[in-house]
Amino acid sequence: MGAEGPKAQVMDERDMERTLTRIAHEIVEANGGSGSVAMVGIVRRGSEIAELLADEIESIEGTRPPVGSLDISFYRDDVARSIQPVLHATDIPFAVDGRDIVLVDDVLYTGRTIRSALDAIMDFGRPKTVQLAVVVDRGHRELPIRADYVGKNVPSSSEEDVRVCLGRTDGRMAVEIWEGKEA
């Protein structure tokens, strides 16, 4: 399948830290502060990124926006093809009605994950806005979805796998390009 290691490293830990700080500033600026903002990370890596962004926003604003996590397993349009989807807990400990929800994911690719997340978040109420923050936008869209906050655009072929590595999940912070799809 894929190689033993990454084909290329696009961002290292320092780049990731700068990127998350920049995205946090952009979120605060676009929303006139953090008062109505809530972060919702798509399980798995999006949840960890949402926590990191909330920490950054707290360091900027002095208050931490609420953070939730969203499992989209049963909202995916390919769920019928998956023999047994891996289930994670959805935890949104705040009302989404009237809030500016920042949906957070690691990589934006075809747009199908985000479409599923939009369906899922609407089951929790009616947000004022839904904004999208991603660390990497790699293009190849199949749906008309675009991110409001992008860490880095990484043009890649559909045969490559762009991976965002995070401290808690992977033991390091980086963005890497691997040959072939992740198993």
N, C-alpha and C. Protein backbone atom coordinates (compact mmCIF):
# COMPACT_ATOMS: atom_id res chain seq x y z
N MET A 1 0.84 -1.19 0.00
CA MET A 1 0.00 0.00 0.00
C MET A 1 0.89 1.25 0.00
N GLY A 2 1.10 1.92 1.13
CA GLY A 2 1.90 3.13 1.18
C GLY A 2 3.34 2.83 1.53
N ALA A 3 4.18 3.84 1.51
CA ALA A 3 5.60 3.69 1.83
C ALA A 3 5.77 3.59 3.35
N GLU A 4 7.01 3.32 3.77
CA GLU A 4 7.32 3.20 5.19
C GLU A 4 7.26 4.55 5.91
N GLY A 5 7.47 5.61 5.20
CA GLY A 5 7.46 6.94 5.81
C GLY A 5 6.86 7.96 4.87
N PRO A 6 6.74 9.19 5.35
CA PRO A 6 6.14 10.21 4.51
C PRO A 6 7.01 10.54 3.29
N LYS A 7 6.34 10.89 2.23
CA LYS A 7 6.99 11.33 0.99
C LYS A 7 7.55 12.74 1.17
N ALA A 8 6.81 13.55 1.94
CA ALA A 8 7.24 14.93 2.19
C ALA A 8 6.59 15.45 3.47
N GLN A 9 7.28 16.33 4.16
CA GLN A 9 6.70 17.02 5.30
C GLN A 9 6.41 18.45 4.85
N VAL A 10 5.15 18.83 4.96
CA VAL A 10 4.70 20.14 4.50
C VAL A 10 4.77 21.18 5.61
N MET A 11 4.49 20.75 6.85
CA MET A 11 4.55 21.63 8.01
C MET A 11 5.17 20.87 9.18
N ASP A 12 6.01 21.56 9.95
CA ASP A 12 6.55 20.97 11.16
C ASP A 12 5.78 21.53 12.37
N GLU A 13 6.22 21.19 13.57
CA GLU A 13 5.52 21.61 14.78
C GLU A 13 5.42 23.13 14.89
N ARG A 14 6.50 23.81 14.59
CA ARG A 14 6.51 25.29 14.67
C ARG A 14 5.53 25.89 13.68
N ASP A 15 5.51 25.35 12.45
CA ASP A 15 4.55 25.82 11.43
C ASP A 15 3.12 25.60 11.91
N MET A 16 2.86 24.45 12.51
CA MET A 16 1.52 24.13 13.00
C MET A 16 1.10 25.11 14.10
N GLU A 17 2.00 25.40 15.02
CA GLU A 17 1.69 26.34 16.10
C GLU A 17 1.35 27.72 15.54
N ARG A 18 2.17 28.20 14.61
CA ARG A 18 1.91 29.51 13.98
C ARG A 18 0.57 29.50 13.25
N THR A 19 0.29 28.42 12.56
CA THR A 19 -0.96 28.30 11.80
C THR A 19 -2.17 28.35 12.72
N LEU A 20 -2.13 27.60 13.82
CA LEU A 20 -3.26 27.59 14.74
C LEU A 20 -3.45 28.96 15.40
N THR A 21 -2.35 29.63 15.71
CA THR A 21 -2.45 30.98 16.27
C THR A 21 -3.09 31.93 15.27
N ARG A 22 -2.67 31.85 14.00
CA ARG A 22 -3.25 32.71 12.96
C ARG A 22 -4.74 32.44 12.77
N ILE A 23 -5.11 31.16 12.69
CA ILE A 23 -6.52 30.82 12.51
C ILE A 23 -7.35 31.34 13.68
N ALA A 24 -6.84 31.20 14.91
CA ALA A 24 -7.56 31.69 16.09
C ALA A 24 -7.78 33.20 15.99
N HIS A 25 -6.75 33.93 15.58
CA HIS A 25 -6.89 35.39 15.41
C HIS A 25 -7.92 35.71 14.33
N GLU A 26 -7.92 34.97 13.25
CA GLU A 26 -8.89 35.19 12.16
C GLU A 26 -10.32 34.94 12.64
N ILE A 27 -10.52 33.90 13.46
CA ILE A 27 -11.85 33.60 14.00
C ILE A 27 -12.32 34.74 14.89
N VAL A 28 -11.47 35.21 15.77
CA VAL A 28 -11.82 36.30 16.67
C VAL A 28 -12.15 37.56 15.86
N GLU A 29 -11.32 37.87 14.89
CA GLU A 29 -11.54 39.07 14.07
C GLU A 29 -12.84 38.98 13.28
N ALA A 30 -13.09 37.85 12.64
CA ALA A 30 -14.27 37.70 11.79
C ALA A 30 -15.57 37.74 12.59
N ASN A 31 -15.50 37.38 13.88
CA ASN A 31 -16.70 37.31 14.70
C ASN A 31 -16.81 38.46 15.70
N GLY A 32 -15.93 39.45 15.58
CA GLY A 32 -15.99 40.60 16.49
C GLY A 32 -15.76 40.18 17.94
N GLY A 33 -14.87 39.24 18.15
CA GLY A 33 -14.60 38.69 19.47
C GLY A 33 -15.01 37.24 19.51
N SER A 34 -15.03 36.69 20.72
CA SER A 34 -15.35 35.27 20.84
C SER A 34 -16.65 35.01 21.60
N GLY A 35 -17.40 36.07 21.89
CA GLY A 35 -18.60 35.96 22.72
C GLY A 35 -19.64 34.97 22.25
N SER A 36 -19.89 34.90 20.95
CA SER A 36 -20.94 34.00 20.45
C SER A 36 -20.37 32.76 19.77
N VAL A 37 -19.05 32.61 19.82
CA VAL A 37 -18.38 31.52 19.10
C VAL A 37 -18.36 30.25 19.94
N ALA A 38 -18.61 29.13 19.27
CA ALA A 38 -18.42 27.81 19.87
C ALA A 38 -17.71 26.94 18.84
N MET A 39 -16.79 26.13 19.30
CA MET A 39 -16.01 25.26 18.43
C MET A 39 -16.60 23.86 18.44
N VAL A 40 -16.73 23.25 17.25
CA VAL A 40 -17.19 21.87 17.15
C VAL A 40 -16.22 21.12 16.25
N GLY A 41 -15.47 20.21 16.85
CA GLY A 41 -14.48 19.44 16.11
C GLY A 41 -15.06 18.13 15.61
N ILE A 42 -14.73 17.79 14.37
CA ILE A 42 -15.16 16.52 13.81
C ILE A 42 -14.21 15.44 14.32
N VAL A 43 -14.79 14.42 14.95
CA VAL A 43 -13.99 13.34 15.53
C VAL A 43 -13.15 12.69 14.44
N ARG A 44 -11.95 12.51 14.63
CA ARG A 44 -11.01 12.49 15.72
C ARG A 44 -10.14 13.74 15.70
N ARG A 45 -9.40 13.93 14.65
CA ARG A 45 -8.41 15.00 14.68
C ARG A 45 -9.04 16.40 14.76
N GLY A 46 -10.21 16.58 14.17
CA GLY A 46 -10.88 17.87 14.26
C GLY A 46 -11.19 18.25 15.70
N SER A 47 -11.48 17.25 16.53
CA SER A 47 -11.77 17.53 17.95
C SER A 47 -10.53 18.04 18.67
N GLU A 48 -9.40 17.43 18.39
CA GLU A 48 -8.16 17.89 19.02
C GLU A 48 -7.78 19.28 18.53
N ILE A 49 -7.96 19.54 17.25
CA ILE A 49 -7.66 20.87 16.70
C ILE A 49 -8.59 21.91 17.29
N ALA A 50 -9.88 21.58 17.47
CA ALA A 50 -10.83 22.51 18.08
C ALA A 50 -10.40 22.90 19.49
N GLU A 51 -9.90 21.93 20.25
CA GLU A 51 -9.40 22.22 21.61
C GLU A 51 -8.20 23.16 21.55
N LEU A 52 -7.28 22.90 20.62
CA LEU A 52 -6.10 23.75 20.48
C LEU A 52 -6.50 25.17 20.06
N LEU A 53 -7.45 25.29 19.15
CA LEU A 53 -7.92 26.62 18.72
C LEU A 53 -8.61 27.35 19.88
N ALA A 54 -9.40 26.63 20.66
CA ALA A 54 -10.06 27.24 21.82
C ALA A 54 -9.03 27.76 22.82
N ASP A 55 -7.95 27.00 23.02
CA ASP A 55 -6.86 27.46 23.90
C ASP A 55 -6.25 28.75 23.36
N GLU A 56 -6.01 28.80 22.06
CA GLU A 56 -5.44 30.01 21.44
C GLU A 56 -6.39 31.19 21.58
N ILE A 57 -7.68 30.96 21.34
CA ILE A 57 -8.67 32.04 21.46
C ILE A 57 -8.72 32.55 22.90
N GLU A 58 -8.62 31.63 23.86
CA GLU A 58 -8.60 32.04 25.26
C GLU A 58 -7.39 32.92 25.55
N SER A 59 -6.23 32.60 24.97
CA SER A 59 -5.05 33.42 25.20
C SER A 59 -5.19 34.81 24.56
N ILE A 60 -6.00 34.91 23.52
CA ILE A 60 -6.23 36.21 22.85
C ILE A 60 -7.30 37.01 23.58
N GLU A 61 -8.42 36.37 23.90
CA GLU A 61 -9.62 37.05 24.40
C GLU A 61 -9.79 37.01 25.92
N GLY A 62 -9.11 36.06 26.58
CA GLY A 62 -9.28 35.94 28.02
C GLY A 62 -10.41 35.01 28.43
N THR A 63 -11.22 34.60 27.50
CA THR A 63 -12.27 33.62 27.78
C THR A 63 -12.20 32.52 26.72
N ARG A 64 -12.49 31.32 27.17
CA ARG A 64 -12.40 30.16 26.28
C ARG A 64 -13.77 29.85 25.69
N PRO A 65 -13.87 29.76 24.38
CA PRO A 65 -15.16 29.38 23.80
C PRO A 65 -15.48 27.93 24.13
N PRO A 66 -16.77 27.60 24.22
CA PRO A 66 -17.11 26.20 24.47
C PRO A 66 -16.69 25.33 23.30
N VAL A 67 -16.37 24.08 23.61
CA VAL A 67 -15.88 23.14 22.60
C VAL A 67 -16.70 21.86 22.66
N GLY A 68 -17.09 21.38 21.49
CA GLY A 68 -17.78 20.11 21.40
C GLY A 68 -17.13 19.23 20.35
N SER A 69 -17.53 17.96 20.35
CA SER A 69 -17.02 17.05 19.33
C SER A 69 -18.20 16.38 18.64
N LEU A 70 -18.03 16.10 17.36
CA LEU A 70 -19.11 15.61 16.53
C LEU A 70 -18.69 14.35 15.79
N ASP A 71 -19.42 13.27 16.02
CA ASP A 71 -19.19 12.02 15.28
C ASP A 71 -20.18 12.00 14.12
N ILE A 72 -19.67 11.88 12.92
CA ILE A 72 -20.54 11.92 11.73
C ILE A 72 -20.73 10.55 11.10
N SER A 73 -20.36 9.49 11.79
CA SER A 73 -20.37 8.14 11.22
C SER A 73 -21.66 7.80 10.48
N PHE A 74 -22.81 8.07 11.09
CA PHE A 74 -24.07 7.68 10.47
C PHE A 74 -24.66 8.75 9.56
N TYR A 75 -23.95 9.85 9.38
CA TYR A 75 -24.40 10.89 8.46
C TYR A 75 -23.69 10.81 7.11
N ARG A 76 -22.68 9.98 7.03
CA ARG A 76 -21.88 9.88 5.80
C ARG A 76 -22.70 9.24 4.69
N ASP A 77 -22.48 9.68 3.47
CA ASP A 77 -23.20 9.09 2.34
C ASP A 77 -22.61 7.75 1.92
N ASP A 78 -21.49 7.37 2.51
CA ASP A 78 -20.88 6.07 2.19
C ASP A 78 -21.03 5.07 3.34
N VAL A 79 -21.90 5.37 4.32
CA VAL A 79 -22.05 4.49 5.48
C VAL A 79 -22.54 3.11 5.07
N ALA A 80 -23.34 3.00 4.02
CA ALA A 80 -23.83 1.70 3.56
C ALA A 80 -22.70 0.82 3.04
N ARG A 81 -21.63 1.44 2.53
CA ARG A 81 -20.48 0.68 2.01
C ARG A 81 -19.56 0.18 3.12
N SER A 82 -19.64 0.81 4.28
CA SER A 82 -18.78 0.42 5.41
C SER A 82 -19.44 -0.73 6.16
N ILE A 83 -18.72 -1.81 6.32
CA ILE A 83 -19.27 -2.98 6.99
C ILE A 83 -19.61 -2.66 8.44
N GLN A 84 -18.70 -2.01 9.13
CA GLN A 84 -18.93 -1.66 10.52
C GLN A 84 -18.25 -0.33 10.81
N PRO A 85 -19.00 0.79 10.75
CA PRO A 85 -18.36 2.08 11.01
C PRO A 85 -17.85 2.16 12.44
N VAL A 86 -16.74 2.85 12.62
CA VAL A 86 -16.17 3.06 13.95
C VAL A 86 -16.95 4.20 14.59
N LEU A 87 -17.55 3.93 15.73
CA LEU A 87 -18.36 4.93 16.40
C LEU A 87 -17.57 5.62 17.50
N HIS A 88 -17.76 6.93 17.57
CA HIS A 88 -17.17 7.75 18.62
C HIS A 88 -18.32 8.54 19.24
N ALA A 89 -18.10 9.09 20.37
CA ALA A 89 -19.16 9.84 21.03
C ALA A 89 -19.24 11.25 20.48
N THR A 90 -20.46 11.72 20.28
CA THR A 90 -20.71 13.12 20.00
C THR A 90 -20.93 13.79 21.35
N ASP A 91 -20.27 14.90 21.58
CA ASP A 91 -20.41 15.62 22.83
C ASP A 91 -20.48 17.11 22.53
N ILE A 92 -21.68 17.64 22.53
CA ILE A 92 -21.87 19.09 22.32
C ILE A 92 -22.58 19.60 23.57
N PRO A 93 -21.80 20.06 24.56
CA PRO A 93 -22.34 20.43 25.88
C PRO A 93 -22.87 21.87 25.95
N PHE A 94 -23.39 22.39 24.85
CA PHE A 94 -23.92 23.75 24.81
C PHE A 94 -25.01 23.79 23.75
N ALA A 95 -25.87 24.78 23.84
CA ALA A 95 -26.92 24.96 22.83
C ALA A 95 -26.29 25.57 21.58
N VAL A 96 -26.61 25.03 20.42
CA VAL A 96 -26.07 25.59 19.18
C VAL A 96 -26.95 26.72 18.64
N ASP A 97 -28.21 26.79 19.09
CA ASP A 97 -29.12 27.82 18.61
C ASP A 97 -28.54 29.22 18.78
N GLY A 98 -28.53 29.98 17.69
CA GLY A 98 -28.09 31.37 17.73
C GLY A 98 -26.60 31.58 17.87
N ARG A 99 -25.81 30.54 17.91
CA ARG A 99 -24.35 30.66 18.06
C ARG A 99 -23.67 30.69 16.70
N ASP A 100 -22.45 31.24 16.72
CA ASP A 100 -21.55 31.16 15.57
C ASP A 100 -20.72 29.90 15.79
N ILE A 101 -21.06 28.84 15.08
CA ILE A 101 -20.38 27.56 15.22
C ILE A 101 -19.20 27.52 14.26
N VAL A 102 -18.03 27.22 14.81
CA VAL A 102 -16.87 27.00 13.96
C VAL A 102 -16.64 25.50 13.92
N LEU A 103 -16.95 24.91 12.78
CA LEU A 103 -16.75 23.49 12.54
C LEU A 103 -15.28 23.30 12.21
N VAL A 104 -14.63 22.34 12.85
CA VAL A 104 -13.18 22.19 12.72
C VAL A 104 -12.84 20.79 12.24
N ASP A 105 -11.97 20.71 11.22
CA ASP A 105 -11.48 19.42 10.75
C ASP A 105 -10.01 19.57 10.37
N ASP A 106 -9.35 18.44 10.17
CA ASP A 106 -7.94 18.49 9.84
C ASP A 106 -7.71 18.78 8.37
N VAL A 107 -8.33 17.99 7.47
CA VAL A 107 -8.10 18.13 6.03
C VAL A 107 -9.42 18.28 5.30
N LEU A 108 -9.52 19.27 4.45
CA LEU A 108 -10.67 19.43 3.56
C LEU A 108 -10.26 18.87 2.20
N TYR A 109 -11.03 17.90 1.72
CA TYR A 109 -10.69 17.21 0.47
C TYR A 109 -11.90 17.27 -0.46
N THR A 110 -12.75 16.28 -0.48
CA THR A 110 -13.89 16.26 -1.40
C THR A 110 -15.05 17.12 -0.93
N GLY A 111 -15.15 17.35 0.37
CA GLY A 111 -16.25 18.11 0.95
C GLY A 111 -17.33 17.21 1.54
N ARG A 112 -17.23 15.91 1.34
CA ARG A 112 -18.26 14.98 1.81
C ARG A 112 -18.31 14.88 3.34
N THR A 113 -17.18 14.93 4.00
CA THR A 113 -17.17 14.89 5.47
C THR A 113 -17.88 16.13 6.01
N ILE A 114 -17.61 17.28 5.41
CA ILE A 114 -18.22 18.53 5.89
C ILE A 114 -19.72 18.52 5.63
N ARG A 115 -20.15 18.03 4.50
CA ARG A 115 -21.58 17.92 4.22
C ARG A 115 -22.26 17.07 5.29
N SER A 116 -21.63 15.97 5.66
CA SER A 116 -22.17 15.11 6.71
C SER A 116 -22.21 15.84 8.05
N ALA A 117 -21.17 16.59 8.34
CA ALA A 117 -21.11 17.33 9.61
C ALA A 117 -22.18 18.42 9.66
N LEU A 118 -22.45 19.07 8.54
CA LEU A 118 -23.52 20.08 8.51
C LEU A 118 -24.87 19.44 8.81
N ASP A 119 -25.13 18.27 8.22
CA ASP A 119 -26.38 17.56 8.52
C ASP A 119 -26.45 17.23 10.00
N ALA A 120 -25.36 16.75 10.56
CA ALA A 120 -25.34 16.35 11.97
C ALA A 120 -25.54 17.55 12.89
N ILE A 121 -24.86 18.65 12.63
CA ILE A 121 -24.95 19.81 13.53
C ILE A 121 -26.36 20.39 13.52
N MET A 122 -27.05 20.32 12.38
CA MET A 122 -28.41 20.85 12.30
C MET A 122 -29.39 20.04 13.15
N ASP A 123 -29.04 18.80 13.47
CA ASP A 123 -29.88 18.00 14.36
C ASP A 123 -29.82 18.53 15.80
N PHE A 124 -28.86 19.38 16.09
CA PHE A 124 -28.71 19.93 17.43
C PHE A 124 -29.35 21.31 17.58
N GLY A 125 -29.81 21.89 16.50
CA GLY A 125 -30.45 23.20 16.57
C GLY A 125 -30.12 24.04 15.35
N ARG A 126 -30.40 25.34 15.48
CA ARG A 126 -30.20 26.26 14.37
C ARG A 126 -29.15 27.31 14.76
N PRO A 127 -27.90 27.10 14.31
CA PRO A 127 -26.87 28.09 14.62
C PRO A 127 -27.11 29.38 13.84
N LYS A 128 -26.55 30.47 14.36
CA LYS A 128 -26.59 31.74 13.63
C LYS A 128 -25.77 31.61 12.35
N THR A 129 -24.54 31.09 12.48
CA THR A 129 -23.69 30.81 11.33
C THR A 129 -22.93 29.51 11.58
N VAL A 130 -22.51 28.89 10.51
CA VAL A 130 -21.58 27.77 10.60
C VAL A 130 -20.39 28.14 9.73
N GLN A 131 -19.23 28.20 10.37
CA GLN A 131 -17.99 28.53 9.67
C GLN A 131 -17.10 27.29 9.70
N LEU A 132 -16.19 27.20 8.75
CA LEU A 132 -15.34 26.02 8.65
C LEU A 132 -13.87 26.41 8.78
N ALA A 133 -13.18 25.72 9.69
CA ALA A 133 -11.74 25.91 9.88
C ALA A 133 -11.05 24.57 9.64
N VAL A 134 -10.03 24.58 8.78
CA VAL A 134 -9.25 23.36 8.50
C VAL A 134 -7.77 23.71 8.52
N VAL A 135 -6.97 22.73 8.89
CA VAL A 135 -5.52 22.93 8.85
C VAL A 135 -5.03 22.87 7.41
N VAL A 136 -5.58 21.93 6.63
CA VAL A 136 -5.14 21.74 5.24
C VAL A 136 -6.34 21.69 4.30
N ASP A 137 -6.23 22.43 3.20
CA ASP A 137 -7.19 22.31 2.10
C ASP A 137 -6.41 21.76 0.93
N ARG A 138 -6.76 20.55 0.50
CA ARG A 138 -6.01 19.92 -0.57
C ARG A 138 -6.72 19.95 -1.91
N GLY A 139 -7.88 20.62 -1.99
CA GLY A 139 -8.58 20.70 -3.27
C GLY A 139 -9.35 19.43 -3.57
N HIS A 140 -9.60 19.18 -4.83
CA HIS A 140 -10.33 17.98 -5.31
C HIS A 140 -11.78 17.94 -4.84
N ARG A 141 -12.44 19.08 -4.74
CA ARG A 141 -13.79 19.15 -4.23
C ARG A 141 -14.78 18.43 -5.14
N GLU A 142 -15.70 17.69 -4.52
CA GLU A 142 -16.81 17.06 -5.21
C GLU A 142 -18.12 17.77 -4.89
N LEU A 143 -18.11 18.59 -3.87
CA LEU A 143 -19.28 19.35 -3.43
C LEU A 143 -18.88 20.82 -3.29
N PRO A 144 -19.85 21.73 -3.41
CA PRO A 144 -19.52 23.17 -3.32
C PRO A 144 -19.31 23.62 -1.87
N ILE A 145 -18.20 23.20 -1.29
CA ILE A 145 -17.85 23.51 0.10
C ILE A 145 -16.51 24.23 0.09
N ARG A 146 -16.41 25.30 0.88
CA ARG A 146 -15.12 25.98 1.02
C ARG A 146 -14.92 26.35 2.48
N ALA A 147 -13.68 26.38 2.88
CA ALA A 147 -13.35 26.72 4.27
C ALA A 147 -13.24 28.23 4.44
N ASP A 148 -13.67 28.69 5.61
CA ASP A 148 -13.53 30.11 5.97
C ASP A 148 -12.13 30.40 6.50
N TYR A 149 -11.53 29.41 7.14
CA TYR A 149 -10.20 29.56 7.73
C TYR A 149 -9.37 28.35 7.31
N VAL A 150 -8.26 28.63 6.61
CA VAL A 150 -7.40 27.57 6.08
C VAL A 150 -5.98 27.79 6.58
N GLY A 151 -5.40 26.73 7.14
CA GLY A 151 -4.01 26.81 7.56
C GLY A 151 -3.08 26.85 6.37
N LYS A 152 -3.24 25.89 5.46
CA LYS A 152 -2.36 25.81 4.30
C LYS A 152 -3.07 25.07 3.18
N ASN A 153 -2.94 25.59 1.97
CA ASN A 153 -3.40 24.89 0.77
C ASN A 153 -2.28 23.95 0.34
N VAL A 154 -2.61 22.67 0.19
CA VAL A 154 -1.62 21.67 -0.18
C VAL A 154 -2.11 20.93 -1.42
N PRO A 155 -1.70 21.41 -2.60
CA PRO A 155 -2.09 20.69 -3.81
C PRO A 155 -1.48 19.29 -3.78
N SER A 156 -2.30 18.30 -4.07
CA SER A 156 -1.83 16.92 -4.03
C SER A 156 -2.66 16.10 -5.01
N SER A 157 -2.12 14.97 -5.39
CA SER A 157 -2.87 14.09 -6.30
C SER A 157 -3.84 13.25 -5.47
N SER A 158 -4.84 12.71 -6.12
CA SER A 158 -5.81 11.88 -5.41
C SER A 158 -5.20 10.56 -4.96
N GLU A 159 -4.03 10.20 -5.49
CA GLU A 159 -3.34 8.99 -5.05
C GLU A 159 -2.50 9.22 -3.79
N GLU A 160 -2.34 10.47 -3.40
CA GLU A 160 -1.56 10.79 -2.20
C GLU A 160 -2.49 10.91 -0.99
N ASP A 161 -1.91 10.76 0.17
CA ASP A 161 -2.63 10.89 1.43
C ASP A 161 -1.98 12.04 2.20
N VAL A 162 -2.75 13.07 2.50
CA VAL A 162 -2.25 14.20 3.28
C VAL A 162 -2.69 13.97 4.72
N ARG A 163 -1.73 13.88 5.62
CA ARG A 163 -2.00 13.56 7.02
C ARG A 163 -1.60 14.71 7.94
N VAL A 164 -2.52 15.08 8.82
CA VAL A 164 -2.23 16.04 9.87
C VAL A 164 -1.95 15.22 11.13
N CYS A 165 -0.75 15.35 11.65
CA CYS A 165 -0.34 14.63 12.85
C CYS A 165 -0.46 15.58 14.04
N LEU A 166 -1.07 15.09 15.12
CA LEU A 166 -1.31 15.92 16.29
C LEU A 166 -0.72 15.28 17.54
N GLY A 167 -0.33 16.12 18.48
CA GLY A 167 0.36 15.68 19.69
C GLY A 167 -0.31 14.55 20.44
N ARG A 168 -1.57 14.75 20.87
CA ARG A 168 -2.25 13.72 21.66
C ARG A 168 -2.50 12.44 20.86
N THR A 169 -2.86 12.58 19.61
CA THR A 169 -3.23 11.43 18.78
C THR A 169 -2.01 10.72 18.21
N ASP A 170 -1.02 11.48 17.76
CA ASP A 170 0.10 10.91 17.01
C ASP A 170 1.47 11.06 17.67
N GLY A 171 1.54 11.82 18.76
CA GLY A 171 2.81 12.01 19.44
C GLY A 171 3.72 13.06 18.80
N ARG A 172 3.26 13.71 17.75
CA ARG A 172 4.03 14.78 17.11
C ARG A 172 3.06 15.67 16.36
N MET A 173 3.50 16.87 16.02
CA MET A 173 2.67 17.79 15.23
C MET A 173 3.37 18.04 13.90
N ALA A 174 2.65 17.73 12.83
CA ALA A 174 3.20 17.92 11.49
C ALA A 174 2.09 17.72 10.46
N VAL A 175 2.36 18.15 9.24
CA VAL A 175 1.52 17.80 8.09
C VAL A 175 2.45 17.10 7.11
N GLU A 176 2.03 15.89 6.71
CA GLU A 176 2.86 15.06 5.85
C GLU A 176 2.07 14.58 4.64
N ILE A 177 2.80 14.34 3.56
CA ILE A 177 2.21 13.71 2.37
C ILE A 177 2.78 12.31 2.27
N TRP A 178 1.88 11.36 2.17
CA TRP A 178 2.24 9.94 2.05
C TRP A 178 1.79 9.45 0.67
N GLU A 179 2.50 8.49 0.15
CA GLU A 179 2.10 7.85 -1.11
C GLU A 179 1.01 6.85 -0.80
N GLY A 180 -0.08 6.88 -1.52
CA GLY A 180 -1.17 5.92 -1.29
C GLY A 180 -2.10 6.37 -0.20
N LYS A 181 -3.21 5.67 -0.05
CA LYS A 181 -4.23 6.00 0.95
C LYS A 181 -3.90 5.38 2.29
N GLU A 182 -4.30 6.09 3.37
CA GLU A 182 -4.07 5.59 4.73
C GLU A 182 -4.93 4.36 4.96
N ALA A 183 -4.35 3.36 5.57
CA ALA A 183 -5.08 2.11 5.84
C ALA A 183 -6.03 2.26 7.00
